[in-house]
N, C-alpha and C. Protein backbone atom coordinates (compact mmCIF):
# COMPACT_ATOMS: atom_id res chain seq x y z
N MET A 1 21.63 4.57 -0.73
CA MET A 1 20.84 3.99 0.31
C MET A 1 19.62 3.31 -0.31
N LYS A 2 19.25 2.15 0.22
CA LYS A 2 18.10 1.40 -0.26
C LYS A 2 16.93 1.57 0.69
N ILE A 3 15.80 1.97 0.13
CA ILE A 3 14.59 2.24 0.92
C ILE A 3 13.46 1.34 0.44
N GLN A 4 12.82 0.66 1.37
CA GLN A 4 11.66 -0.17 1.08
C GLN A 4 10.42 0.53 1.61
N ILE A 5 9.40 0.66 0.77
CA ILE A 5 8.14 1.28 1.18
C ILE A 5 7.02 0.24 1.11
N PHE A 6 6.30 0.09 2.20
CA PHE A 6 5.06 -0.67 2.25
C PHE A 6 3.98 0.32 2.64
N SER A 7 2.96 0.48 1.80
CA SER A 7 1.96 1.50 2.10
C SER A 7 0.59 1.14 1.55
N ASP A 8 -0.40 1.84 2.09
CA ASP A 8 -1.73 1.76 1.50
C ASP A 8 -1.75 2.74 0.33
N SER A 9 -2.89 3.21 -0.05
CA SER A 9 -2.99 4.03 -1.26
C SER A 9 -2.37 5.42 -1.16
N LEU A 10 -2.01 5.85 0.04
CA LEU A 10 -1.46 7.20 0.18
C LEU A 10 -0.19 7.40 -0.65
N ALA A 11 0.57 6.35 -0.88
CA ALA A 11 1.81 6.49 -1.65
C ALA A 11 1.60 6.35 -3.15
N LEU A 12 0.37 6.14 -3.58
CA LEU A 12 0.08 5.91 -5.00
C LEU A 12 -0.39 7.19 -5.70
N PRO A 13 -0.11 7.30 -7.00
CA PRO A 13 -0.70 8.40 -7.76
C PRO A 13 -2.21 8.19 -7.86
N ARG A 14 -2.94 9.27 -8.09
CA ARG A 14 -4.40 9.17 -8.15
C ARG A 14 -5.00 10.33 -8.91
N GLU A 15 -6.25 10.16 -9.30
CA GLU A 15 -7.01 11.25 -9.94
C GLU A 15 -7.96 11.92 -8.96
N ILE A 16 -8.51 11.14 -8.04
CA ILE A 16 -9.54 11.63 -7.12
C ILE A 16 -9.10 11.36 -5.69
N PRO A 17 -9.31 12.19 -4.72
CA PRO A 17 -10.03 13.45 -4.75
C PRO A 17 -9.18 14.61 -5.25
N GLN A 18 -7.87 14.44 -5.21
CA GLN A 18 -6.97 15.47 -5.73
C GLN A 18 -5.98 14.79 -6.65
N LYS A 19 -5.77 15.35 -7.83
CA LYS A 19 -4.90 14.73 -8.81
C LYS A 19 -3.46 14.74 -8.30
N VAL A 20 -2.85 13.54 -8.25
CA VAL A 20 -1.45 13.38 -7.84
C VAL A 20 -0.77 12.52 -8.90
N TYR A 21 0.19 13.09 -9.59
CA TYR A 21 0.94 12.35 -10.59
C TYR A 21 2.05 11.56 -9.91
N TYR A 22 2.52 10.51 -10.59
CA TYR A 22 3.57 9.67 -10.01
C TYR A 22 4.76 10.51 -9.53
N GLU A 23 5.17 11.46 -10.32
CA GLU A 23 6.34 12.28 -9.98
C GLU A 23 6.14 13.07 -8.69
N GLU A 24 4.90 13.22 -8.26
CA GLU A 24 4.59 13.97 -7.04
C GLU A 24 4.51 13.08 -5.79
N THR A 25 4.57 11.77 -5.97
CA THR A 25 4.49 10.87 -4.82
C THR A 25 5.81 10.87 -4.06
N TYR A 26 5.75 10.56 -2.77
CA TYR A 26 6.99 10.57 -2.01
C TYR A 26 7.94 9.46 -2.44
N SER A 27 7.44 8.37 -2.95
CA SER A 27 8.34 7.31 -3.43
C SER A 27 9.12 7.78 -4.65
N ALA A 28 8.48 8.51 -5.55
CA ALA A 28 9.17 9.04 -6.72
C ALA A 28 10.22 10.06 -6.31
N LYS A 29 9.88 10.90 -5.35
CA LYS A 29 10.85 11.90 -4.89
C LYS A 29 12.03 11.25 -4.20
N LEU A 30 11.79 10.20 -3.41
CA LEU A 30 12.89 9.49 -2.76
C LEU A 30 13.77 8.78 -3.78
N SER A 31 13.17 8.29 -4.87
CA SER A 31 13.93 7.52 -5.85
C SER A 31 14.91 8.37 -6.67
N LYS A 32 14.82 9.69 -6.56
CA LYS A 32 15.78 10.54 -7.24
C LYS A 32 17.17 10.42 -6.65
N ASP A 33 17.24 10.15 -5.34
CA ASP A 33 18.53 10.07 -4.65
C ASP A 33 18.82 8.71 -4.04
N HIS A 34 17.84 7.79 -4.09
CA HIS A 34 17.99 6.50 -3.44
C HIS A 34 17.42 5.39 -4.32
N ILE A 35 17.76 4.16 -3.99
CA ILE A 35 17.14 3.00 -4.64
C ILE A 35 15.89 2.68 -3.82
N VAL A 36 14.74 2.66 -4.48
CA VAL A 36 13.48 2.48 -3.78
C VAL A 36 12.73 1.28 -4.35
N ALA A 37 12.28 0.41 -3.45
CA ALA A 37 11.35 -0.67 -3.81
C ALA A 37 10.04 -0.35 -3.10
N GLN A 38 8.94 -0.50 -3.80
CA GLN A 38 7.65 -0.09 -3.24
C GLN A 38 6.60 -1.16 -3.45
N TYR A 39 5.84 -1.41 -2.39
CA TYR A 39 4.61 -2.19 -2.50
C TYR A 39 3.52 -1.33 -1.89
N SER A 40 2.53 -0.99 -2.67
CA SER A 40 1.40 -0.20 -2.20
C SER A 40 0.11 -0.85 -2.67
N LYS A 41 -0.90 -0.79 -1.81
CA LYS A 41 -2.18 -1.39 -2.16
C LYS A 41 -3.29 -0.47 -1.71
N GLY A 42 -4.16 -0.09 -2.65
CA GLY A 42 -5.33 0.70 -2.29
C GLY A 42 -6.18 -0.07 -1.31
N ALA A 43 -6.60 0.59 -0.25
CA ALA A 43 -7.38 -0.02 0.84
C ALA A 43 -6.61 -1.15 1.51
N GLY A 44 -5.29 -1.09 1.43
CA GLY A 44 -4.46 -2.12 2.04
C GLY A 44 -4.47 -2.04 3.55
N THR A 45 -4.54 -3.18 4.18
CA THR A 45 -4.49 -3.25 5.64
C THR A 45 -3.08 -3.63 6.08
N ILE A 46 -2.84 -3.55 7.38
CA ILE A 46 -1.54 -3.95 7.92
C ILE A 46 -1.25 -5.41 7.53
N LYS A 47 -2.26 -6.27 7.60
CA LYS A 47 -2.05 -7.67 7.23
C LYS A 47 -1.66 -7.81 5.76
N ASP A 48 -2.30 -7.05 4.88
CA ASP A 48 -1.95 -7.09 3.45
C ASP A 48 -0.48 -6.72 3.26
N LEU A 49 -0.04 -5.70 3.95
CA LEU A 49 1.35 -5.25 3.82
C LEU A 49 2.30 -6.29 4.40
N LEU A 50 1.97 -6.84 5.56
CA LEU A 50 2.80 -7.86 6.18
C LEU A 50 2.96 -9.07 5.27
N ASP A 51 1.89 -9.48 4.62
CA ASP A 51 1.94 -10.64 3.74
C ASP A 51 2.94 -10.46 2.59
N GLN A 52 3.24 -9.22 2.23
CA GLN A 52 4.16 -8.95 1.12
C GLN A 52 5.62 -8.81 1.56
N THR A 53 5.86 -8.64 2.85
CA THR A 53 7.23 -8.38 3.31
C THR A 53 8.19 -9.49 2.94
N PHE A 54 7.73 -10.71 2.91
CA PHE A 54 8.60 -11.85 2.62
C PHE A 54 9.13 -11.82 1.19
N TYR A 55 8.38 -11.22 0.28
CA TYR A 55 8.81 -11.12 -1.11
C TYR A 55 9.92 -10.08 -1.29
N TYR A 56 9.98 -9.14 -0.37
CA TYR A 56 10.95 -8.05 -0.49
C TYR A 56 12.13 -8.21 0.47
N LYS A 57 12.16 -9.29 1.21
CA LYS A 57 13.20 -9.53 2.21
C LYS A 57 14.60 -9.46 1.61
N MET A 58 14.79 -10.02 0.45
CA MET A 58 16.12 -10.08 -0.15
C MET A 58 16.56 -8.76 -0.78
N PHE A 59 15.70 -7.77 -0.77
CA PHE A 59 16.09 -6.42 -1.21
C PHE A 59 17.10 -5.83 -0.23
N CYS A 60 17.04 -6.27 1.03
CA CYS A 60 17.96 -5.85 2.09
C CYS A 60 18.02 -4.32 2.22
N PRO A 61 16.91 -3.69 2.56
CA PRO A 61 16.88 -2.23 2.63
C PRO A 61 17.63 -1.69 3.85
N ASP A 62 18.08 -0.45 3.72
CA ASP A 62 18.68 0.25 4.85
C ASP A 62 17.57 0.89 5.70
N ILE A 63 16.50 1.29 5.04
CA ILE A 63 15.36 1.93 5.70
C ILE A 63 14.08 1.28 5.20
N VAL A 64 13.15 1.03 6.11
CA VAL A 64 11.83 0.53 5.75
C VAL A 64 10.80 1.56 6.20
N ILE A 65 9.94 1.97 5.27
CA ILE A 65 8.85 2.88 5.58
C ILE A 65 7.56 2.08 5.53
N LEU A 66 6.85 2.05 6.64
CA LEU A 66 5.55 1.39 6.72
C LEU A 66 4.52 2.49 6.92
N GLN A 67 3.68 2.70 5.95
CA GLN A 67 2.69 3.76 6.01
C GLN A 67 1.32 3.13 5.82
N SER A 68 0.55 3.11 6.88
CA SER A 68 -0.79 2.53 6.83
C SER A 68 -1.58 3.09 8.00
N GLY A 69 -2.87 3.05 7.89
CA GLY A 69 -3.60 3.51 9.04
C GLY A 69 -5.07 3.78 8.86
N ILE A 70 -5.43 4.68 7.99
CA ILE A 70 -6.81 5.14 7.96
C ILE A 70 -7.78 4.01 7.59
N VAL A 71 -7.37 3.12 6.72
CA VAL A 71 -8.24 2.00 6.34
C VAL A 71 -8.46 1.07 7.52
N ASP A 72 -7.38 0.81 8.27
CA ASP A 72 -7.51 -0.06 9.44
C ASP A 72 -8.37 0.58 10.52
N CYS A 73 -8.45 1.89 10.54
CA CYS A 73 -9.21 2.59 11.59
C CYS A 73 -10.70 2.71 11.28
N SER A 74 -11.07 2.58 10.02
CA SER A 74 -12.48 2.80 9.68
C SER A 74 -13.33 1.60 10.11
N PRO A 75 -14.51 1.88 10.66
CA PRO A 75 -15.39 0.78 11.07
C PRO A 75 -15.94 0.05 9.84
N ARG A 76 -16.08 -1.24 9.97
CA ARG A 76 -16.58 -2.05 8.85
C ARG A 76 -17.80 -2.85 9.31
N PRO A 77 -18.87 -2.82 8.53
CA PRO A 77 -20.06 -3.58 8.94
C PRO A 77 -19.87 -5.09 8.77
N PHE A 78 -18.95 -5.49 7.86
CA PHE A 78 -18.73 -6.91 7.61
C PHE A 78 -17.23 -7.20 7.62
N THR A 79 -16.86 -8.43 7.93
CA THR A 79 -15.46 -8.83 7.86
C THR A 79 -15.04 -8.92 6.40
N GLN A 80 -13.75 -8.99 6.15
CA GLN A 80 -13.27 -9.13 4.77
C GLN A 80 -13.78 -10.42 4.15
N PHE A 81 -13.86 -11.50 4.93
CA PHE A 81 -14.38 -12.76 4.42
C PHE A 81 -15.83 -12.60 3.98
N GLU A 82 -16.64 -11.93 4.81
CA GLU A 82 -18.05 -11.74 4.47
C GLU A 82 -18.19 -10.88 3.21
N GLU A 83 -17.40 -9.82 3.11
CA GLU A 83 -17.45 -8.98 1.91
C GLU A 83 -17.06 -9.77 0.67
N HIS A 84 -16.05 -10.60 0.78
CA HIS A 84 -15.62 -11.44 -0.35
C HIS A 84 -16.74 -12.42 -0.73
N PHE A 85 -17.36 -13.02 0.26
CA PHE A 85 -18.46 -13.96 0.03
C PHE A 85 -19.61 -13.27 -0.70
N PHE A 86 -19.98 -12.05 -0.24
CA PHE A 86 -21.06 -11.30 -0.90
C PHE A 86 -20.70 -10.98 -2.35
N THR A 87 -19.47 -10.58 -2.57
CA THR A 87 -19.03 -10.24 -3.92
C THR A 87 -19.11 -11.45 -4.84
N LEU A 88 -18.67 -12.58 -4.36
CA LEU A 88 -18.73 -13.79 -5.19
C LEU A 88 -20.17 -14.17 -5.54
N ASN A 89 -21.08 -14.00 -4.61
CA ASN A 89 -22.45 -14.43 -4.83
C ASN A 89 -23.33 -13.39 -5.51
N LEU A 90 -23.00 -12.13 -5.36
CA LEU A 90 -23.80 -11.08 -6.00
C LEU A 90 -23.48 -10.94 -7.49
N PHE A 91 -22.24 -11.20 -7.84
CA PHE A 91 -21.81 -10.99 -9.22
C PHE A 91 -21.55 -12.28 -9.97
N ALA A 92 -22.02 -13.38 -9.44
CA ALA A 92 -21.79 -14.67 -10.08
C ALA A 92 -22.78 -14.91 -11.19
């Protein structure tokens, strides 16, 4: 079975706040018995994940896992465009 995963950072290995090795991620565990393609982005939004779906279309998965949420739910003082603008001008 072919499984496609689109996720924010929850599917990624990490050191902080709790150490999670790649072998402990759900994508690694699924890949033991299935063919898995994964796109994950730290602080990824639904739009970020949607923008990548077209690149994985020809994988033709049997199952698609879309895991996202907490980043989209958090309040933001500035839009992504404004944050990008500040970053360009503060560190230029």
